[in-house]
Amino acid sequence: GGYDKEMLGWGGENLDQSLRVWLCGGEIMMASHSQVAHMWRDGSQKTAARYHHVGDTQRNRARAIFAWYGEFADKLKDYPSFASRGPPGGDNPWYGDLGGFNE
């Protein structure tokens, strides 16, 4: 278990977590009295991010999809933001090596 060590920053981890739980036989429990909040950034100093953006959201999403969707991952080629990506040069695809994903 645990996070994909090659996912950097935020974006896509929700896909990875939910698919991992579902496909590995886990379950998501409801906590009836829990509260979740998200702070939308409006450009003001008050809502400014206090961290540096790292990683690539599309890369993270692609890693989750190629790791869990199997043959259906080819559908990503139908989406321009994914179809325009090419290999970085070398042996690995643009979203990185998934060889150690199941470790």
PDB file of N, CA and C in Angstrom:
ATOM      1  N   GLY A   1       0.815  -1.196   0.000  1.00  0.00           N
ATOM      2  CA  GLY A   1       0.000   0.000   0.000  1.00  0.00           C
ATOM      3  C   GLY A   1       0.850   1.246   0.000  1.00  0.00           C
ATOM      4  N   GLY A   2       0.210   2.344   0.122  1.00  0.00           N
ATOM      5  CA  GLY A   2       0.886   3.633   0.145  1.00  0.00           C
ATOM      6  C   GLY A   2       0.759   4.354  -1.176  1.00  0.00           C
ATOM      7  N   TYR A   3       1.255   5.553  -1.199  1.00  0.00           N
ATOM      8  CA  TYR A   3       1.201   6.376  -2.402  1.00  0.00           C
ATOM      9  C   TYR A   3       2.189   5.910  -3.449  1.00  0.00           C
ATOM     10  N   ASP A   4       1.882   6.244  -4.695  1.00  0.00           N
ATOM     11  CA  ASP A   4       2.820   6.067  -5.799  1.00  0.00           C
ATOM     12  C   ASP A   4       3.958   7.060  -5.552  1.00  0.00           C
ATOM     13  N   LYS A   5       5.153   6.565  -5.371  1.00  0.00           N
ATOM     14  CA  LYS A   5       6.298   7.419  -5.011  1.00  0.00           C
ATOM     15  C   LYS A   5       6.686   8.397  -6.116  1.00  0.00           C
ATOM     16  N   GLU A   6       6.214   8.142  -7.333  1.00  0.00           N
ATOM     17  CA  GLU A   6       6.551   9.022  -8.449  1.00  0.00           C
ATOM     18  C   GLU A   6       5.519  10.125  -8.676  1.00  0.00           C
ATOM     19  N   MET A   7       4.453  10.130  -7.913  1.00  0.00           N
ATOM     20  CA  MET A   7       3.479  11.224  -8.023  1.00  0.00           C
ATOM     21  C   MET A   7       4.035  12.407  -7.258  1.00  0.00           C
ATOM     22  N   LEU A   8       4.153  13.515  -7.949  1.00  0.00           N
ATOM     23  CA  LEU A   8       4.726  14.705  -7.349  1.00  0.00           C
ATOM     24  C   LEU A   8       3.675  15.792  -7.242  1.00  0.00           C
ATOM     25  N   GLY A   9       3.664  16.494  -6.135  1.00  0.00           N
ATOM     26  CA  GLY A   9       2.709  17.575  -5.945  1.00  0.00           C
ATOM     27  C   GLY A   9       1.306  17.044  -5.763  1.00  0.00           C
ATOM     28  N   TRP A  10       0.338  17.813  -6.205  1.00  0.00           N
ATOM     29  CA  TRP A  10      -1.051  17.412  -6.038  1.00  0.00           C
ATOM     30  C   TRP A  10      -1.671  17.192  -7.415  1.00  0.00           C
ATOM     31  N   GLY A  11      -2.795  16.513  -7.415  1.00  0.00           N
ATOM     32  CA  GLY A  11      -3.535  16.253  -8.654  1.00  0.00           C
ATOM     33  C   GLY A  11      -3.352  14.815  -9.091  1.00  0.00           C
ATOM     34  N   GLY A  12      -4.425  14.074  -9.130  1.00  0.00           N
ATOM     35  CA  GLY A  12      -4.371  12.685  -9.556  1.00  0.00           C
ATOM     36  C   GLY A  12      -4.333  11.695  -8.424  1.00  0.00           C
ATOM     37  N   GLU A  13      -3.955  12.153  -7.238  1.00  0.00           N
ATOM     38  CA  GLU A  13      -3.880  11.215  -6.110  1.00  0.00           C
ATOM     39  C   GLU A  13      -5.261  10.710  -5.728  1.00  0.00           C
ATOM     40  N   ASN A  14      -6.300  11.527  -5.959  1.00  0.00           N
ATOM     41  CA  ASN A  14      -7.660  11.076  -5.670  1.00  0.00           C
ATOM     42  C   ASN A  14      -8.052   9.909  -6.583  1.00  0.00           C
ATOM     43  N   LEU A  15      -7.632   9.957  -7.848  1.00  0.00           N
ATOM     44  CA  LEU A  15      -7.889   8.839  -8.764  1.00  0.00           C
ATOM     45  C   LEU A  15      -7.161   7.592  -8.293  1.00  0.00           C
ATOM     46  N   ASP A  16      -5.906   7.752  -7.973  1.00  0.00           N
ATOM     47  CA  ASP A  16      -5.101   6.616  -7.541  1.00  0.00           C
ATOM     48  C   ASP A  16      -5.676   5.986  -6.269  1.00  0.00           C
ATOM     49  N   GLN A  17      -6.013   6.802  -5.304  1.00  0.00           N
ATOM     50  CA  GLN A  17      -6.531   6.286  -4.032  1.00  0.00           C
ATOM     51  C   GLN A  17      -7.858   5.563  -4.209  1.00  0.00           C
ATOM     52  N   SER A  18      -8.789   6.167  -4.931  1.00  0.00           N
ATOM     53  CA  SER A  18     -10.109   5.555  -5.071  1.00  0.00           C
ATOM     54  C   SER A  18     -10.050   4.274  -5.893  1.00  0.00           C
ATOM     55  N   LEU A  19      -9.276   4.263  -6.970  1.00  0.00           N
ATOM     56  CA  LEU A  19      -9.151   3.050  -7.786  1.00  0.00           C
ATOM     57  C   LEU A  19      -8.422   1.951  -7.028  1.00  0.00           C
ATOM     58  N   ARG A  20      -7.412   2.328  -6.287  1.00  0.00           N
ATOM     59  CA  ARG A  20      -6.656   1.350  -5.502  1.00  0.00           C
ATOM     60  C   ARG A  20      -7.574   0.673  -4.477  1.00  0.00           C
ATOM     61  N   VAL A  21      -8.371   1.463  -3.781  1.00  0.00           N
ATOM     62  CA  VAL A  21      -9.281   0.907  -2.778  1.00  0.00           C
ATOM     63  C   VAL A  21     -10.299  -0.016  -3.451  1.00  0.00           C
ATOM     64  N   TRP A  22     -10.921   0.473  -4.521  1.00  0.00           N
ATOM     65  CA  TRP A  22     -11.975  -0.287  -5.192  1.00  0.00           C
ATOM     66  C   TRP A  22     -11.444  -1.580  -5.796  1.00  0.00           C
ATOM     67  N   LEU A  23     -10.359  -1.501  -6.560  1.00  0.00           N
ATOM     68  CA  LEU A  23      -9.854  -2.670  -7.277  1.00  0.00           C
ATOM     69  C   LEU A  23      -9.124  -3.672  -6.385  1.00  0.00           C
ATOM     70  N   CYS A  24      -8.705  -3.224  -5.210  1.00  0.00           N
ATOM     71  CA  CYS A  24      -8.010  -4.133  -4.301  1.00  0.00           C
ATOM     72  C   CYS A  24      -8.932  -4.679  -3.213  1.00  0.00           C
ATOM     73  N   GLY A  25     -10.235  -4.466  -3.360  1.00  0.00           N
ATOM     74  CA  GLY A  25     -11.185  -5.057  -2.434  1.00  0.00           C
ATOM     75  C   GLY A  25     -11.424  -4.287  -1.155  1.00  0.00           C
ATOM     76  N   GLY A  26     -10.975  -3.058  -1.106  1.00  0.00           N
ATOM     77  CA  GLY A  26     -11.194  -2.258   0.096  1.00  0.00           C
ATOM     78  C   GLY A  26     -12.556  -1.607   0.086  1.00  0.00           C
ATOM     79  N   GLU A  27     -12.804  -0.788   1.056  1.00  0.00           N
ATOM     80  CA  GLU A  27     -14.057  -0.060   1.104  1.00  0.00           C
ATOM     81  C   GLU A  27     -13.819   1.337   1.651  1.00  0.00           C
ATOM     82  N   ILE A  28     -14.683   2.230   1.267  1.00  0.00           N
ATOM     83  CA  ILE A  28     -14.633   3.594   1.765  1.00  0.00           C
ATOM     84  C   ILE A  28     -15.803   3.751   2.719  1.00  0.00           C
ATOM     85  N   MET A  29     -15.505   4.146   3.914  1.00  0.00           N
ATOM     86  CA  MET A  29     -16.530   4.282   4.946  1.00  0.00           C
ATOM     87  C   MET A  29     -16.980   5.738   5.039  1.00  0.00           C
ATOM     88  N   MET A  30     -18.234   5.937   5.356  1.00  0.00           N
ATOM     89  CA  MET A  30     -18.760   7.276   5.531  1.00  0.00           C
ATOM     90  C   MET A  30     -18.657   7.661   7.006  1.00  0.00           C
ATOM     91  N   ALA A  31     -18.140   8.827   7.247  1.00  0.00           N
ATOM     92  CA  ALA A  31     -18.112   9.379   8.597  1.00  0.00           C
ATOM     93  C   ALA A  31     -19.186  10.462   8.633  1.00  0.00           C
ATOM     94  N   SER A  32     -20.343  10.140   9.178  1.00  0.00           N
ATOM     95  CA  SER A  32     -21.530  10.993   9.052  1.00  0.00           C
ATOM     96  C   SER A  32     -21.369  12.400   9.631  1.00  0.00           C
ATOM     97  N   HIS A  33     -20.522  12.585  10.590  1.00  0.00           N
ATOM     98  CA  HIS A  33     -20.383  13.906  11.203  1.00  0.00           C
ATOM     99  C   HIS A  33     -19.086  14.617  10.807  1.00  0.00           C
ATOM    100  N   SER A  34     -18.422  14.105   9.797  1.00  0.00           N
ATOM    101  CA  SER A  34     -17.163  14.733   9.377  1.00  0.00           C
ATOM    102  C   SER A  34     -17.445  15.957   8.516  1.00  0.00           C
ATOM    103  N   GLN A  35     -16.477  16.833   8.436  1.00  0.00           N
ATOM    104  CA  GLN A  35     -16.576  18.031   7.613  1.00  0.00           C
ATOM    105  C   GLN A  35     -15.292  18.154   6.809  1.00  0.00           C
ATOM    106  N   VAL A  36     -15.442  18.511   5.561  1.00  0.00           N
ATOM    107  CA  VAL A  36     -14.300  18.689   4.665  1.00  0.00           C
ATOM    108  C   VAL A  36     -14.394  20.088   4.080  1.00  0.00           C
ATOM    109  N   ALA A  37     -13.286  20.765   3.999  1.00  0.00           N
ATOM    110  CA  ALA A  37     -13.273  22.118   3.445  1.00  0.00           C
ATOM    111  C   ALA A  37     -12.165  22.230   2.402  1.00  0.00           C
ATOM    112  N   HIS A  38     -12.380  23.107   1.466  1.00  0.00           N
ATOM    113  CA  HIS A  38     -11.350  23.409   0.467  1.00  0.00           C
ATOM    114  C   HIS A  38     -11.315  24.921   0.323  1.00  0.00           C
ATOM    115  N   MET A  39     -10.113  25.481   0.378  1.00  0.00           N
ATOM    116  CA  MET A  39      -9.972  26.924   0.254  1.00  0.00           C
ATOM    117  C   MET A  39      -9.717  27.270  -1.216  1.00  0.00           C
ATOM    118  N   TRP A  40     -10.649  27.979  -1.823  1.00  0.00           N
ATOM    119  CA  TRP A  40     -10.471  28.415  -3.198  1.00  0.00           C
ATOM    120  C   TRP A  40      -9.575  29.635  -3.209  1.00  0.00           C
ATOM    121  N   ARG A  41      -8.642  29.664  -4.088  1.00  0.00           N
ATOM    122  CA  ARG A  41      -7.704  30.776  -4.192  1.00  0.00           C
ATOM    123  C   ARG A  41      -8.285  31.843  -5.123  1.00  0.00           C
ATOM    124  N   ASP A  42      -8.355  33.060  -4.635  1.00  0.00           N
ATOM    125  CA  ASP A  42      -8.932  34.140  -5.433  1.00  0.00           C
ATOM    126  C   ASP A  42      -7.886  35.160  -5.892  1.00  0.00           C
ATOM    127  N   GLY A  43      -6.640  34.871  -5.669  1.00  0.00           N
ATOM    128  CA  GLY A  43      -5.570  35.776  -6.092  1.00  0.00           C
ATOM    129  C   GLY A  43      -5.149  36.773  -5.031  1.00  0.00           C
ATOM    130  N   SER A  44      -5.891  36.849  -3.946  1.00  0.00           N
ATOM    131  CA  SER A  44      -5.526  37.787  -2.883  1.00  0.00           C
ATOM    132  C   SER A  44      -4.397  37.209  -2.031  1.00  0.00           C
ATOM    133  N   GLN A  45      -3.750  38.080  -1.269  1.00  0.00           N
ATOM    134  CA  GLN A  45      -2.673  37.636  -0.379  1.00  0.00           C
ATOM    135  C   GLN A  45      -3.202  36.654   0.666  1.00  0.00           C
ATOM    136  N   LYS A  46      -4.445  36.872   1.086  1.00  0.00           N
ATOM    137  CA  LYS A  46      -5.045  36.022   2.116  1.00  0.00           C
ATOM    138  C   LYS A  46      -5.148  34.562   1.672  1.00  0.00           C
ATOM    139  N   THR A  47      -5.415  34.341   0.387  1.00  0.00           N
ATOM    140  CA  THR A  47      -5.576  32.961  -0.090  1.00  0.00           C
ATOM    141  C   THR A  47      -4.379  32.482  -0.900  1.00  0.00           C
ATOM    142  N   ALA A  48      -3.291  33.235  -0.882  1.00  0.00           N
ATOM    143  CA  ALA A  48      -2.099  32.850  -1.647  1.00  0.00           C
ATOM    144  C   ALA A  48      -1.522  31.534  -1.122  1.00  0.00           C
ATOM    145  N   ALA A  49      -1.062  30.733  -2.039  1.00  0.00           N
ATOM    146  CA  ALA A  49      -0.440  29.455  -1.655  1.00  0.00           C
ATOM    147  C   ALA A  49       0.866  29.732  -0.935  1.00  0.00           C
ATOM    148  N   ARG A  50       1.109  28.981   0.104  1.00  0.00           N
ATOM    149  CA  ARG A  50       2.348  29.134   0.868  1.00  0.00           C
ATOM    150  C   ARG A  50       3.284  27.959   0.595  1.00  0.00           C
ATOM    151  N   TYR A  51       3.202  27.468  -0.611  1.00  0.00           N
ATOM    152  CA  TYR A  51       4.066  26.365  -1.019  1.00  0.00           C
ATOM    153  C   TYR A  51       4.404  26.562  -2.487  1.00  0.00           C
ATOM    154  N   HIS A  52       5.422  25.911  -2.926  1.00  0.00           N
ATOM    155  CA  HIS A  52       5.814  25.972  -4.326  1.00  0.00           C
ATOM    156  C   HIS A  52       5.193  24.788  -5.051  1.00  0.00           C
ATOM    157  N   HIS A  53       4.615  25.078  -6.212  1.00  0.00           N
ATOM    158  CA  HIS A  53       4.006  23.999  -6.987  1.00  0.00           C
ATOM    159  C   HIS A  53       5.110  23.092  -7.533  1.00  0.00           C
ATOM    160  N   VAL A  54       4.980  21.824  -7.275  1.00  0.00           N
ATOM    161  CA  VAL A  54       5.910  20.835  -7.817  1.00  0.00           C
ATOM    162  C   VAL A  54       5.103  19.802  -8.565  1.00  0.00           C
ATOM    163  N   GLY A  55       5.727  19.189  -9.520  1.00  0.00           N
ATOM    164  CA  GLY A  55       5.056  18.111 -10.229  1.00  0.00           C
ATOM    165  C   GLY A  55       4.198  18.604 -11.371  1.00  0.00           C
ATOM    166  N   ASP A  56       3.441  17.683 -11.920  1.00  0.00           N
ATOM    167  CA  ASP A  56       2.643  17.913 -13.108  1.00  0.00           C
ATOM    168  C   ASP A  56       1.334  17.148 -12.919  1.00  0.00           C
ATOM    169  N   THR A  57       0.241  17.865 -12.801  1.00  0.00           N
ATOM    170  CA  THR A  57      -1.052  17.242 -12.551  1.00  0.00           C
ATOM    171  C   THR A  57      -1.407  16.222 -13.629  1.00  0.00           C
ATOM    172  N   GLN A  58      -1.173  16.561 -14.897  1.00  0.00           N
ATOM    173  CA  GLN A  58      -1.491  15.627 -15.982  1.00  0.00           C
ATOM    174  C   GLN A  58      -0.642  14.361 -15.881  1.00  0.00           C
ATOM    175  N   ARG A  59       0.610  14.515 -15.510  1.00  0.00           N
ATOM    176  CA  ARG A  59       1.480  13.343 -15.347  1.00  0.00           C
ATOM    177  C   ARG A  59       0.961  12.445 -14.234  1.00  0.00           C
ATOM    178  N   ASN A  60       0.573  13.042 -13.115  1.00  0.00           N
ATOM    179  CA  ASN A  60       0.034  12.266 -12.005  1.00  0.00           C
ATOM    180  C   ASN A  60      -1.233  11.521 -12.416  1.00  0.00           C
ATOM    181  N   ARG A  61      -2.131  12.215 -13.107  1.00  0.00           N
ATOM    182  CA  ARG A  61      -3.370  11.573 -13.556  1.00  0.00           C
ATOM    183  C   ARG A  61      -3.069  10.426 -14.511  1.00  0.00           C
ATOM    184  N   ALA A  62      -2.145  10.662 -15.429  1.00  0.00           N
ATOM    185  CA  ALA A  62      -1.782   9.608 -16.382  1.00  0.00           C
ATOM    186  C   ALA A  62      -1.186   8.406 -15.665  1.00  0.00           C
ATOM    187  N   ARG A  63      -0.378   8.630 -14.657  1.00  0.00           N
ATOM    188  CA  ARG A  63       0.195   7.513 -13.893  1.00  0.00           C
ATOM    189  C   ARG A  63      -0.908   6.667 -13.260  1.00  0.00           C
ATOM    190  N   ALA A  64      -1.889   7.323 -12.661  1.00  0.00           N
ATOM    191  CA  ALA A  64      -2.993   6.583 -12.040  1.00  0.00           C
ATOM    192  C   ALA A  64      -3.781   5.815 -13.093  1.00  0.00           C
ATOM    193  N   ILE A  65      -4.063   6.454 -14.206  1.00  0.00           N
ATOM    194  CA  ILE A  65      -4.861   5.811 -15.251  1.00  0.00           C
ATOM    195  C   ILE A  65      -4.116   4.640 -15.883  1.00  0.00           C
ATOM    196  N   PHE A  66      -2.847   4.836 -16.244  1.00  0.00           N
ATOM    197  CA  PHE A  66      -2.096   3.740 -16.872  1.00  0.00           C
ATOM    198  C   PHE A  66      -1.810   2.602 -15.890  1.00  0.00           C
ATOM    199  N   ALA A  67      -1.755   2.918 -14.607  1.00  0.00           N
ATOM    200  CA  ALA A  67      -1.512   1.875 -13.607  1.00  0.00           C
ATOM    201  C   ALA A  67      -2.758   1.035 -13.351  1.00  0.00           C
ATOM    202  N   TRP A  68      -3.946   1.648 -13.391  1.00  0.00           N
ATOM    203  CA  TRP A  68      -5.157   0.955 -12.950  1.00  0.00           C
ATOM    204  C   TRP A  68      -6.164   0.626 -14.048  1.00  0.00           C
ATOM    205  N   TYR A  69      -6.186   1.340 -15.146  1.00  0.00           N
ATOM    206  CA  TYR A  69      -7.232   1.153 -16.141  1.00  0.00           C
ATOM    207  C   TYR A  69      -6.925   0.086 -17.189  1.00  0.00           C
ATOM    208  N   GLY A  70      -5.717  -0.437 -17.191  1.00  0.00           N
ATOM    209  CA  GLY A  70      -5.385  -1.494 -18.151  1.00  0.00           C
ATOM    210  C   GLY A  70      -5.594  -1.053 -19.590  1.00  0.00           C
ATOM    211  N   GLU A  71      -6.252  -1.886 -20.385  1.00  0.00           N
ATOM    212  CA  GLU A  71      -6.439  -1.605 -21.813  1.00  0.00           C
ATOM    213  C   GLU A  71      -7.271  -0.342 -22.052  1.00  0.00           C
ATOM    214  N   PHE A  72      -8.066   0.075 -21.092  1.00  0.00           N
ATOM    215  CA  PHE A  72      -8.898   1.261 -21.264  1.00  0.00           C
ATOM    216  C   PHE A  72      -8.090   2.555 -21.180  1.00  0.00           C
ATOM    217  N   ALA A  73      -6.858   2.480 -20.726  1.00  0.00           N
ATOM    218  CA  ALA A  73      -6.003   3.663 -20.644  1.00  0.00           C
ATOM    219  C   ALA A  73      -5.734   4.254 -22.026  1.00  0.00           C
ATOM    220  N   ASP A  74      -5.871   3.463 -23.072  1.00  0.00           N
ATOM    221  CA  ASP A  74      -5.666   3.977 -24.427  1.00  0.00           C
ATOM    222  C   ASP A  74      -6.661   5.088 -24.777  1.00  0.00           C
ATOM    223  N   LYS A  75      -7.769   5.174 -24.051  1.00  0.00           N
ATOM    224  CA  LYS A  75      -8.747   6.239 -24.293  1.00  0.00           C
ATOM    225  C   LYS A  75      -8.159   7.619 -24.022  1.00  0.00           C
ATOM    226  N   LEU A  76      -7.061   7.684 -23.264  1.00  0.00           N
ATOM    227  CA  LEU A  76      -6.433   8.982 -23.004  1.00  0.00           C
ATOM    228  C   LEU A  76      -6.001   9.661 -24.293  1.00  0.00           C
ATOM    229  N   LYS A  77      -5.714   8.879 -25.311  1.00  0.00           N
ATOM    230  CA  LYS A  77      -5.281   9.455 -26.592  1.00  0.00           C
ATOM    231  C   LYS A  77      -6.377  10.290 -27.232  1.00  0.00           C
ATOM    232  N   ASP A  78      -7.617  10.146 -26.771  1.00  0.00           N
ATOM    233  CA  ASP A  78      -8.732  10.929 -27.298  1.00  0.00           C
ATOM    234  C   ASP A  78      -8.815  12.319 -26.675  1.00  0.00           C
ATOM    235  N   TYR A  79      -8.050  12.588 -25.640  1.00  0.00           N
ATOM    236  CA  TYR A  79      -8.069  13.871 -24.956  1.00  0.00           C
ATOM    237  C   TYR A  79      -6.824  14.670 -25.338  1.00  0.00           C
ATOM    238  N   PRO A  80      -7.028  15.860 -25.932  1.00  0.00           N
ATOM    239  CA  PRO A  80      -5.888  16.645 -26.437  1.00  0.00           C
ATOM    240  C   PRO A  80      -4.775  16.888 -25.424  1.00  0.00           C
ATOM    241  N   SER A  81      -5.125  17.151 -24.171  1.00  0.00           N
ATOM    242  CA  SER A  81      -4.078  17.451 -23.194  1.00  0.00           C
ATOM    243  C   SER A  81      -3.182  16.250 -22.927  1.00  0.00           C
ATOM    244  N   PHE A  82      -3.680  15.051 -23.176  1.00  0.00           N
ATOM    245  CA  PHE A  82      -2.869  13.846 -23.020  1.00  0.00           C
ATOM    246  C   PHE A  82      -2.257  13.421 -24.364  1.00  0.00           C
ATOM    247  N   ALA A  83      -3.035  13.554 -25.439  1.00  0.00           N
ATOM    248  CA  ALA A  83      -2.573  13.113 -26.761  1.00  0.00           C
ATOM    249  C   ALA A  83      -1.360  13.897 -27.235  1.00  0.00           C
ATOM    250  N   SER A  84      -1.256  15.163 -26.818  1.00  0.00           N
ATOM    251  CA  SER A  84      -0.137  15.994 -27.276  1.00  0.00           C
ATOM    252  C   SER A  84       1.171  15.651 -26.571  1.00  0.00           C
ATOM    253  N   ARG A  85       1.103  14.855 -25.527  1.00  0.00           N
ATOM    254  CA  ARG A  85       2.307  14.480 -24.797  1.00  0.00           C
ATOM    255  C   ARG A  85       3.051  13.389 -25.555  1.00  0.00           C
ATOM    256  N   GLY A  86       4.330  13.469 -25.522  1.00  0.00           N
ATOM    257  CA  GLY A  86       5.148  12.454 -26.154  1.00  0.00           C
ATOM    258  C   GLY A  86       6.181  11.936 -25.192  1.00  0.00           C
ATOM    259  N   PRO A  87       6.914  10.913 -25.584  1.00  0.00           N
ATOM    260  CA  PRO A  87       7.955  10.382 -24.710  1.00  0.00           C
ATOM    261  C   PRO A  87       9.041  11.425 -24.451  1.00  0.00           C
ATOM    262  N   PRO A  88       9.625  11.434 -23.241  1.00  0.00           N
ATOM    263  CA  PRO A  88      10.637  12.426 -22.904  1.00  0.00           C
ATOM    264  C   PRO A  88      11.988  12.142 -23.543  1.00  0.00           C
ATOM    265  N   GLY A  89      12.068  11.063 -24.259  1.00  0.00           N
ATOM    266  CA  GLY A  89      13.360  10.632 -24.789  1.00  0.00           C
ATOM    267  C   GLY A  89      13.934   9.609 -23.836  1.00  0.00           C
ATOM    268  N   GLY A  90      14.241   8.478 -24.310  1.00  0.00           N
ATOM    269  CA  GLY A  90      14.691   7.406 -23.430  1.00  0.00           C
ATOM    270  C   GLY A  90      13.705   6.255 -23.469  1.00  0.00           C
ATOM    271  N   ASP A  91      13.819   5.381 -22.496  1.00  0.00           N
ATOM    272  CA  ASP A  91      13.017   4.168 -22.494  1.00  0.00           C
ATOM    273  C   ASP A  91      11.652   4.321 -21.822  1.00  0.00           C
ATOM    274  N   ASN A  92      11.457   5.331 -21.008  1.00  0.00           N
ATOM    275  CA  ASN A  92      10.220   5.465 -20.254  1.00  0.00           C
ATOM    276  C   ASN A  92       9.206   6.343 -20.970  1.00  0.00           C
ATOM    277  N   PRO A  93       7.901   6.089 -20.775  1.00  0.00           N
ATOM    278  CA  PRO A  93       6.881   6.975 -21.336  1.00  0.00           C
ATOM    279  C   PRO A  93       6.896   8.324 -20.609  1.00  0.00           C
ATOM    280  N   TRP A  94       6.179   9.311 -21.144  1.00  0.00           N
ATOM    281  CA  TRP A  94       6.203  10.671 -20.594  1.00  0.00           C
ATOM    282  C   TRP A  94       5.710  10.736 -19.152  1.00  0.00           C
ATOM    283  N   TYR A  95       4.915   9.788 -18.717  1.00  0.00           N
ATOM    284  CA  TYR A  95       4.395   9.793 -17.354  1.00  0.00           C
ATOM    285  C   TYR A  95       5.286   8.993 -16.399  1.00  0.00           C
ATOM    286  N   GLY A  96       6.416   8.508 -16.878  1.00  0.00           N
ATOM    287  CA  GLY A  96       7.365   7.811 -16.025  1.00  0.00           C
ATOM    288  C   GLY A  96       7.208   6.303 -16.020  1.00  0.00           C
ATOM    289  N   ASP A  97       8.167   5.647 -15.451  1.00  0.00           N
ATOM    290  CA  ASP A  97       8.194   4.191 -15.375  1.00  0.00           C
ATOM    291  C   ASP A  97       7.222   3.703 -14.313  1.00  0.00           C
ATOM    292  N   LEU A  98       6.362   2.770 -14.669  1.00  0.00           N
ATOM    293  CA  LEU A  98       5.438   2.172 -13.693  1.00  0.00           C
ATOM    294  C   LEU A  98       5.939   0.822 -13.214  1.00  0.00           C
ATOM    295  N   GLY A  99       7.184   0.492 -13.507  1.00  0.00           N
ATOM    296  CA  GLY A  99       7.755  -0.801 -13.142  1.00  0.00           C
ATOM    297  C   GLY A  99       7.714  -1.106 -11.653  1.00  0.00           C
ATOM    298  N   GLY A 100       7.915  -0.125 -10.801  1.00  0.00           N
ATOM    299  CA  GLY A 100       7.917  -0.354  -9.356  1.00  0.00           C
ATOM    300  C   GLY A 100       6.591  -0.008  -8.703  1.00  0.00           C
ATOM    301  N   PHE A 101       5.566   0.179  -9.515  1.00  0.00           N
ATOM    302  CA  PHE A 101       4.277   0.626  -8.994  1.00  0.00           C
ATOM    303  C   PHE A 101       3.670  -0.327  -7.977  1.00  0.00           C
ATOM    304  N   ASN A 102       3.777  -1.599  -8.201  1.00  0.00           N
ATOM    305  CA  ASN A 102       3.144  -2.590  -7.318  1.00  0.00           C
ATOM    306  C   ASN A 102       3.981  -2.970  -6.116  1.00  0.00           C
ATOM    307  N   GLU A 103       5.088  -2.316  -5.907  1.00  0.00           N
ATOM    308  CA  GLU A 103       5.963  -2.670  -4.779  1.00  0.00           C
ATOM    309  C   GLU A 103       5.427  -2.120  -3.486  1.00  0.00           C
TER     310      GLU A 103
END
